[in-house]
Every structure is written in structure tokens, then in C-alpha cells.
Amino acid sequence: MTPQTPDPTGAEADDLAAVVALRELADRLEDAAVERAMRAGWSWSQVAEALGVTRQAVHKKHHRRLDTAGIELRRRNA
């Protein structure tokens, strides 16, 4: 007897699509919030603490985008 493969439609597919949409929304919200904080003069450490991640993680995720946008970023020793 061959095992049946679940149908990739229906409520389960809708639930998973909702998870993907929420992740994308959360990423956009984080991008906007980090940008506002950095424009307001927050340090990488302050942003990281607020997000519950390391300074290195927030820098790695957002530095290039913020630098490309021309946002003046605080330097660690500045």
C-alpha cells in the first residue's frame, strides 16, 4: 500500500501562507523601526537591546541598507 501524500491546499496551506505573510510584515516593521531609531541617534547597542538581539546581529542585518539609504550612523567610538 502506497502512503498518501497530503493535499497541499486547504486550511493547512492557508495557515502556512499566513505565517509567511506575518514574517514578511514583521521584517518590514523591524526595518522601519530600526531606521527611525537610527535617524533619531540611537546606537547599535540600544537598538539591539530593544530588539533582544546582539549588536552584531542588528548591525549585520541592517547596516548595508541604512548606509545605502544615506542615514548617518553612529560609530562606536564617536
PDB file of N, CA and C in Angstrom:
ATOM      1  N   MET A   1       0.844  -1.181   0.000  1.00  0.00           N
ATOM      2  CA  MET A   1       0.000   0.000   0.000  1.00  0.00           C
ATOM      3  C   MET A   1       0.887   1.241   0.000  1.00  0.00           C
ATOM      4  N   THR A   2       0.639   2.165  -0.906  1.00  0.00           N
ATOM      5  CA  THR A   2       1.412   3.392  -1.038  1.00  0.00           C
ATOM      6  C   THR A   2       0.851   4.445  -0.086  1.00  0.00           C
ATOM      7  N   PRO A   3       1.737   5.104   0.720  1.00  0.00           N
ATOM      8  CA  PRO A   3       1.232   6.152   1.612  1.00  0.00           C
ATOM      9  C   PRO A   3       0.701   7.335   0.812  1.00  0.00           C
ATOM     10  N   GLN A   4      -0.366   7.931   1.322  1.00  0.00           N
ATOM     11  CA  GLN A   4      -0.967   9.073   0.652  1.00  0.00           C
ATOM     12  C   GLN A   4      -0.199  10.340   1.004  1.00  0.00           C
ATOM     13  N   THR A   5      -0.002  11.171   0.006  1.00  0.00           N
ATOM     14  CA  THR A   5       0.620  12.473   0.209  1.00  0.00           C
ATOM     15  C   THR A   5      -0.475  13.472   0.531  1.00  0.00           C
ATOM     16  N   PRO A   6      -0.282  14.285   1.592  1.00  0.00           N
ATOM     17  CA  PRO A   6      -1.315  15.266   1.930  1.00  0.00           C
ATOM     18  C   PRO A   6      -1.518  16.270   0.800  1.00  0.00           C
ATOM     19  N   ASP A   7      -2.744  16.702   0.650  1.00  0.00           N
ATOM     20  CA  ASP A   7      -3.097  17.715  -0.343  1.00  0.00           C
ATOM     21  C   ASP A   7      -2.511  19.057   0.095  1.00  0.00           C
ATOM     22  N   PRO A   8      -1.687  19.710  -0.751  1.00  0.00           N
ATOM     23  CA  PRO A   8      -1.054  20.987  -0.350  1.00  0.00           C
ATOM     24  C   PRO A   8      -1.983  22.189  -0.480  1.00  0.00           C
ATOM     25  N   THR A   9      -3.259  21.974  -0.260  1.00  0.00           N
ATOM     26  CA  THR A   9      -4.235  23.063  -0.273  1.00  0.00           C
ATOM     27  C   THR A   9      -5.078  22.950   0.987  1.00  0.00           C
ATOM     28  N   GLY A  10      -5.991  23.862   1.152  1.00  0.00           N
ATOM     29  CA  GLY A  10      -6.892  23.789   2.286  1.00  0.00           C
ATOM     30  C   GLY A  10      -6.411  24.607   3.464  1.00  0.00           C
ATOM     31  N   ALA A  11      -6.951  24.307   4.628  1.00  0.00           N
ATOM     32  CA  ALA A  11      -6.686  25.090   5.838  1.00  0.00           C
ATOM     33  C   ALA A  11      -5.213  25.100   6.219  1.00  0.00           C
ATOM     34  N   GLU A  12      -4.556  23.962   6.084  1.00  0.00           N
ATOM     35  CA  GLU A  12      -3.135  23.911   6.445  1.00  0.00           C
ATOM     36  C   GLU A  12      -2.297  24.816   5.549  1.00  0.00           C
ATOM     37  N   ALA A  13      -2.585  24.806   4.266  1.00  0.00           N
ATOM     38  CA  ALA A  13      -1.862  25.673   3.333  1.00  0.00           C
ATOM     39  C   ALA A  13      -2.151  27.138   3.640  1.00  0.00           C
ATOM     40  N   ASP A  14      -3.386  27.441   3.985  1.00  0.00           N
ATOM     41  CA  ASP A  14      -3.744  28.812   4.350  1.00  0.00           C
ATOM     42  C   ASP A  14      -3.005  29.249   5.610  1.00  0.00           C
ATOM     43  N   ASP A  15      -2.942  28.353   6.591  1.00  0.00           N
ATOM     44  CA  ASP A  15      -2.218  28.665   7.836  1.00  0.00           C
ATOM     45  C   ASP A  15      -0.750  28.962   7.568  1.00  0.00           C
ATOM     46  N   LEU A  16      -0.123  28.139   6.741  1.00  0.00           N
ATOM     47  CA  LEU A  16       1.295  28.334   6.438  1.00  0.00           C
ATOM     48  C   LEU A  16       1.523  29.611   5.631  1.00  0.00           C
ATOM     49  N   ALA A  17       0.622  29.915   4.721  1.00  0.00           N
ATOM     50  CA  ALA A  17       0.725  31.164   3.956  1.00  0.00           C
ATOM     51  C   ALA A  17       0.598  32.361   4.886  1.00  0.00           C
ATOM     52  N   ALA A  18      -0.259  32.258   5.898  1.00  0.00           N
ATOM     53  CA  ALA A  18      -0.406  33.345   6.871  1.00  0.00           C
ATOM     54  C   ALA A  18       0.878  33.542   7.666  1.00  0.00           C
ATOM     55  N   VAL A  19       1.546  32.456   8.020  1.00  0.00           N
ATOM     56  CA  VAL A  19       2.823  32.555   8.739  1.00  0.00           C
ATOM     57  C   VAL A  19       3.847  33.292   7.886  1.00  0.00           C
ATOM     58  N   VAL A  20       3.929  32.950   6.621  1.00  0.00           N
ATOM     59  CA  VAL A  20       4.869  33.621   5.712  1.00  0.00           C
ATOM     60  C   VAL A  20       4.549  35.108   5.627  1.00  0.00           C
ATOM     61  N   ALA A  21       3.274  35.450   5.483  1.00  0.00           N
ATOM     62  CA  ALA A  21       2.879  36.854   5.382  1.00  0.00           C
ATOM     63  C   ALA A  21       3.225  37.609   6.661  1.00  0.00           C
ATOM     64  N   LEU A  22       3.009  36.994   7.813  1.00  0.00           N
ATOM     65  CA  LEU A  22       3.342  37.647   9.085  1.00  0.00           C
ATOM     66  C   LEU A  22       4.843  37.859   9.237  1.00  0.00           C
ATOM     67  N   ARG A  23       5.629  36.887   8.807  1.00  0.00           N
ATOM     68  CA  ARG A  23       7.092  37.055   8.866  1.00  0.00           C
ATOM     69  C   ARG A  23       7.536  38.224   8.001  1.00  0.00           C
ATOM     70  N   GLU A  24       6.959  38.316   6.798  1.00  0.00           N
ATOM     71  CA  GLU A  24       7.324  39.414   5.898  1.00  0.00           C
ATOM     72  C   GLU A  24       6.912  40.760   6.494  1.00  0.00           C
ATOM     73  N   LEU A  25       5.747  40.820   7.103  1.00  0.00           N
ATOM     74  CA  LEU A  25       5.290  42.047   7.740  1.00  0.00           C
ATOM     75  C   LEU A  25       6.196  42.410   8.916  1.00  0.00           C
ATOM     76  N   ALA A  26       6.544  41.428   9.726  1.00  0.00           N
ATOM     77  CA  ALA A  26       7.427  41.675  10.872  1.00  0.00           C
ATOM     78  C   ALA A  26       8.778  42.216  10.397  1.00  0.00           C
ATOM     79  N   ASP A  27       9.306  41.677   9.310  1.00  0.00           N
ATOM     80  CA  ASP A  27      10.579  42.168   8.772  1.00  0.00           C
ATOM     81  C   ASP A  27      10.468  43.619   8.331  1.00  0.00           C
ATOM     82  N   ARG A  28       9.370  43.968   7.653  1.00  0.00           N
ATOM     83  CA  ARG A  28       9.176  45.354   7.206  1.00  0.00           C
ATOM     84  C   ARG A  28       9.021  46.299   8.394  1.00  0.00           C
ATOM     85  N   LEU A  29       8.286  45.860   9.416  1.00  0.00           N
ATOM     86  CA  LEU A  29       8.121  46.679  10.619  1.00  0.00           C
ATOM     87  C   LEU A  29       9.457  46.889  11.322  1.00  0.00           C
ATOM     88  N   GLU A  30      10.254  45.832  11.402  1.00  0.00           N
ATOM     89  CA  GLU A  30      11.580  45.951  12.033  1.00  0.00           C
ATOM     90  C   GLU A  30      12.461  46.911  11.242  1.00  0.00           C
ATOM     91  N   ASP A  31      12.471  46.771   9.924  1.00  0.00           N
ATOM     92  CA  ASP A  31      13.280  47.676   9.096  1.00  0.00           C
ATOM     93  C   ASP A  31      12.909  49.130   9.367  1.00  0.00           C
ATOM     94  N   ALA A  32      11.618  49.423   9.381  1.00  0.00           N
ATOM     95  CA  ALA A  32      11.160  50.799   9.590  1.00  0.00           C
ATOM     96  C   ALA A  32      11.508  51.294  10.989  1.00  0.00           C
ATOM     97  N   ALA A  33      11.318  50.448  11.999  1.00  0.00           N
ATOM     98  CA  ALA A  33      11.605  50.852  13.375  1.00  0.00           C
ATOM     99  C   ALA A  33      13.098  51.080  13.587  1.00  0.00           C
ATOM    100  N   VAL A  34      13.930  50.214  13.020  1.00  0.00           N
ATOM    101  CA  VAL A  34      15.385  50.386  13.149  1.00  0.00           C
ATOM    102  C   VAL A  34      15.803  51.668  12.440  1.00  0.00           C
ATOM    103  N   GLU A  35      15.262  51.916  11.276  1.00  0.00           N
ATOM    104  CA  GLU A  35      15.614  53.137  10.549  1.00  0.00           C
ATOM    105  C   GLU A  35      15.230  54.384  11.354  1.00  0.00           C
ATOM    106  N   ARG A  36      14.021  54.403  11.924  1.00  0.00           N
ATOM    107  CA  ARG A  36      13.601  55.547  12.737  1.00  0.00           C
ATOM    108  C   ARG A  36      14.531  55.735  13.942  1.00  0.00           C
ATOM    109  N   ALA A  37      14.867  54.645  14.595  1.00  0.00           N
ATOM    110  CA  ALA A  37      15.738  54.730  15.777  1.00  0.00           C
ATOM    111  C   ALA A  37      17.118  55.261  15.397  1.00  0.00           C
ATOM    112  N   MET A  38      17.666  54.771  14.298  1.00  0.00           N
ATOM    113  CA  MET A  38      18.993  55.220  13.887  1.00  0.00           C
ATOM    114  C   MET A  38      18.969  56.684  13.453  1.00  0.00           C
ATOM    115  N   ARG A  39      17.905  57.104  12.787  1.00  0.00           N
ATOM    116  CA  ARG A  39      17.768  58.523  12.410  1.00  0.00           C
ATOM    117  C   ARG A  39      17.659  59.408  13.650  1.00  0.00           C
ATOM    118  N   ALA A  40      17.109  58.847  14.723  1.00  0.00           N
ATOM    119  CA  ALA A  40      16.953  59.592  15.980  1.00  0.00           C
ATOM    120  C   ALA A  40      18.220  59.561  16.830  1.00  0.00           C
ATOM    121  N   GLY A  41      19.263  58.905  16.328  1.00  0.00           N
ATOM    122  CA  GLY A  41      20.539  58.909  17.028  1.00  0.00           C
ATOM    123  C   GLY A  41      20.798  57.739  17.959  1.00  0.00           C
ATOM    124  N   TRP A  42      19.974  56.718  17.888  1.00  0.00           N
ATOM    125  CA  TRP A  42      20.212  55.544  18.724  1.00  0.00           C
ATOM    126  C   TRP A  42      21.495  54.849  18.282  1.00  0.00           C
ATOM    127  N   SER A  43      22.137  54.190  19.219  1.00  0.00           N
ATOM    128  CA  SER A  43      23.333  53.394  18.904  1.00  0.00           C
ATOM    129  C   SER A  43      22.899  51.988  18.489  1.00  0.00           C
ATOM    130  N   TRP A  44      23.828  51.273  17.860  1.00  0.00           N
ATOM    131  CA  TRP A  44      23.558  49.881  17.509  1.00  0.00           C
ATOM    132  C   TRP A  44      23.228  49.075  18.764  1.00  0.00           C
ATOM    133  N   SER A  45      23.921  49.352  19.847  1.00  0.00           N
ATOM    134  CA  SER A  45      23.688  48.625  21.102  1.00  0.00           C
ATOM    135  C   SER A  45      22.290  48.881  21.645  1.00  0.00           C
ATOM    136  N   GLN A  46      21.820  50.122  21.558  1.00  0.00           N
ATOM    137  CA  GLN A  46      20.479  50.444  22.041  1.00  0.00           C
ATOM    138  C   GLN A  46      19.408  49.741  21.206  1.00  0.00           C
ATOM    139  N   VAL A  47      19.590  49.756  19.896  1.00  0.00           N
ATOM    140  CA  VAL A  47      18.637  49.090  19.011  1.00  0.00           C
ATOM    141  C   VAL A  47      18.641  47.591  19.296  1.00  0.00           C
ATOM    142  N   ALA A  48      19.827  47.013  19.422  1.00  0.00           N
ATOM    143  CA  ALA A  48      19.940  45.582  19.682  1.00  0.00           C
ATOM    144  C   ALA A  48      19.254  45.196  20.987  1.00  0.00           C
ATOM    145  N   GLU A  49      19.478  45.984  22.027  1.00  0.00           N
ATOM    146  CA  GLU A  49      18.855  45.690  23.317  1.00  0.00           C
ATOM    147  C   GLU A  49      17.332  45.741  23.210  1.00  0.00           C
ATOM    148  N   ALA A  50      16.823  46.736  22.496  1.00  0.00           N
ATOM    149  CA  ALA A  50      15.379  46.874  22.333  1.00  0.00           C
ATOM    150  C   ALA A  50      14.779  45.691  21.565  1.00  0.00           C
ATOM    151  N   LEU A  51      15.553  45.145  20.625  1.00  0.00           N
ATOM    152  CA  LEU A  51      15.078  44.015  19.823  1.00  0.00           C
ATOM    153  C   LEU A  51      15.373  42.664  20.470  1.00  0.00           C
ATOM    154  N   GLY A  52      16.197  42.661  21.508  1.00  0.00           N
ATOM    155  CA  GLY A  52      16.538  41.401  22.169  1.00  0.00           C
ATOM    156  C   GLY A  52      17.524  40.561  21.398  1.00  0.00           C
ATOM    157  N   VAL A  53      18.414  41.234  20.657  1.00  0.00           N
ATOM    158  CA  VAL A  53      19.450  40.543  19.880  1.00  0.00           C
ATOM    159  C   VAL A  53      20.799  41.187  20.184  1.00  0.00           C
ATOM    160  N   THR A  54      21.853  40.661  19.611  1.00  0.00           N
ATOM    161  CA  THR A  54      23.177  41.246  19.827  1.00  0.00           C
ATOM    162  C   THR A  54      23.375  42.450  18.911  1.00  0.00           C
ATOM    163  N   ARG A  55      24.313  43.303  19.304  1.00  0.00           N
ATOM    164  CA  ARG A  55      24.673  44.454  18.478  1.00  0.00           C
ATOM    165  C   ARG A  55      25.165  43.984  17.114  1.00  0.00           C
ATOM    166  N   GLN A  56      25.948  42.917  17.131  1.00  0.00           N
ATOM    167  CA  GLN A  56      26.489  42.392  15.876  1.00  0.00           C
ATOM    168  C   GLN A  56      25.371  41.910  14.954  1.00  0.00           C
ATOM    169  N   ALA A  57      24.337  41.276  15.513  1.00  0.00           N
ATOM    170  CA  ALA A  57      23.237  40.765  14.699  1.00  0.00           C
ATOM    171  C   ALA A  57      22.463  41.899  14.037  1.00  0.00           C
ATOM    172  N   VAL A  58      22.160  42.938  14.804  1.00  0.00           N
ATOM    173  CA  VAL A  58      21.390  44.045  14.236  1.00  0.00           C
ATOM    174  C   VAL A  58      22.240  44.817  13.219  1.00  0.00           C
ATOM    175  N   HIS A  59      23.523  44.951  13.480  1.00  0.00           N
ATOM    176  CA  HIS A  59      24.416  45.631  12.538  1.00  0.00           C
ATOM    177  C   HIS A  59      24.490  44.848  11.230  1.00  0.00           C
ATOM    178  N   LYS A  60      24.679  43.544  11.341  1.00  0.00           N
ATOM    179  CA  LYS A  60      24.792  42.703  10.143  1.00  0.00           C
ATOM    180  C   LYS A  60      23.525  42.766   9.295  1.00  0.00           C
ATOM    181  N   LYS A  61      22.373  42.763   9.949  1.00  0.00           N
ATOM    182  CA  LYS A  61      21.095  42.732   9.228  1.00  0.00           C
ATOM    183  C   LYS A  61      20.743  44.072   8.588  1.00  0.00           C
ATOM    184  N   HIS A  62      21.110  45.189   9.227  1.00  0.00           N
ATOM    185  CA  HIS A  62      20.590  46.478   8.789  1.00  0.00           C
ATOM    186  C   HIS A  62      21.629  47.465   8.257  1.00  0.00           C
ATOM    187  N   HIS A  63      22.898  47.264   8.536  1.00  0.00           N
ATOM    188  CA  HIS A  63      23.915  48.269   8.195  1.00  0.00           C
ATOM    189  C   HIS A  63      23.923  48.637   6.721  1.00  0.00           C
ATOM    190  N   ARG A  64      23.995  47.671   5.861  1.00  0.00           N
ATOM    191  CA  ARG A  64      24.119  47.963   4.424  1.00  0.00           C
ATOM    192  C   ARG A  64      22.922  48.759   3.911  1.00  0.00           C
ATOM    193  N   ARG A  65      21.719  48.354   4.312  1.00  0.00           N
ATOM    194  CA  ARG A  65      20.513  49.050   3.855  1.00  0.00           C
ATOM    195  C   ARG A  65      20.491  50.489   4.354  1.00  0.00           C
ATOM    196  N   LEU A  66      20.845  50.693   5.618  1.00  0.00           N
ATOM    197  CA  LEU A  66      20.835  52.047   6.179  1.00  0.00           C
ATOM    198  C   LEU A  66      21.927  52.910   5.560  1.00  0.00           C
ATOM    199  N   ASP A  67      23.091  52.336   5.348  1.00  0.00           N
ATOM    200  CA  ASP A  67      24.196  53.076   4.739  1.00  0.00           C
ATOM    201  C   ASP A  67      23.835  53.476   3.309  1.00  0.00           C
ATOM    202  N   THR A  68      23.247  52.554   2.562  1.00  0.00           N
ATOM    203  CA  THR A  68      22.827  52.835   1.188  1.00  0.00           C
ATOM    204  C   THR A  68      21.762  53.928   1.149  1.00  0.00           C
ATOM    205  N   ALA A  69      20.911  53.970   2.167  1.00  0.00           N
ATOM    206  CA  ALA A  69      19.859  54.996   2.242  1.00  0.00           C
ATOM    207  C   ALA A  69      20.416  56.355   2.652  1.00  0.00           C
ATOM    208  N   GLY A  70      21.713  56.415   2.970  1.00  0.00           N
ATOM    209  CA  GLY A  70      22.337  57.683   3.318  1.00  0.00           C
ATOM    210  C   GLY A  70      22.093  58.127   4.743  1.00  0.00           C
ATOM    211  N   ILE A  71      21.711  57.204   5.600  1.00  0.00           N
ATOM    212  CA  ILE A  71      21.467  57.537   7.002  1.00  0.00           C
ATOM    213  C   ILE A  71      22.804  57.619   7.731  1.00  0.00           C
ATOM    214  N   GLU A  72      22.999  58.729   8.435  1.00  0.00           N
ATOM    215  CA  GLU A  72      24.238  58.893   9.195  1.00  0.00           C
ATOM    216  C   GLU A  72      24.187  57.970  10.404  1.00  0.00           C
ATOM    217  N   LEU A  73      25.140  57.054  10.453  1.00  0.00           N
ATOM    218  CA  LEU A  73      25.156  56.053  11.515  1.00  0.00           C
ATOM    219  C   LEU A  73      26.188  56.410  12.566  1.00  0.00           C
ATOM    220  N   ARG A  74      25.802  56.220  13.816  1.00  0.00           N
ATOM    221  CA  ARG A  74      26.732  56.465  14.911  1.00  0.00           C
ATOM    222  C   ARG A  74      27.840  55.418  14.890  1.00  0.00           C
ATOM    223  N   ARG A  75      29.037  55.884  15.115  1.00  0.00           N
ATOM    224  CA  ARG A  75      30.171  54.967  15.211  1.00  0.00           C
ATOM    225  C   ARG A  75      30.391  54.645  16.665  1.00  0.00           C
ATOM    226  N   ARG A  76      30.942  53.506  16.936  1.00  0.00           N
ATOM    227  CA  ARG A  76      31.119  53.032  18.304  1.00  0.00           C
ATOM    228  C   ARG A  76      31.940  54.001  19.145  1.00  0.00           C
ATOM    229  N   ASN A  77      32.982  54.573  18.593  1.00  0.00           N
ATOM    230  CA  ASN A  77      33.868  55.461  19.338  1.00  0.00           C
ATOM    231  C   ASN A  77      33.569  56.935  19.086  1.00  0.00           C
ATOM    232  N   ALA A  78      32.452  57.211  18.469  1.00  0.00           N
ATOM    233  CA  ALA A  78      32.132  58.606  18.140  1.00  0.00           C
ATOM    234  C   ALA A  78      31.371  59.282  19.241  1.00  0.00           C
TER     235      ALA A  78
END
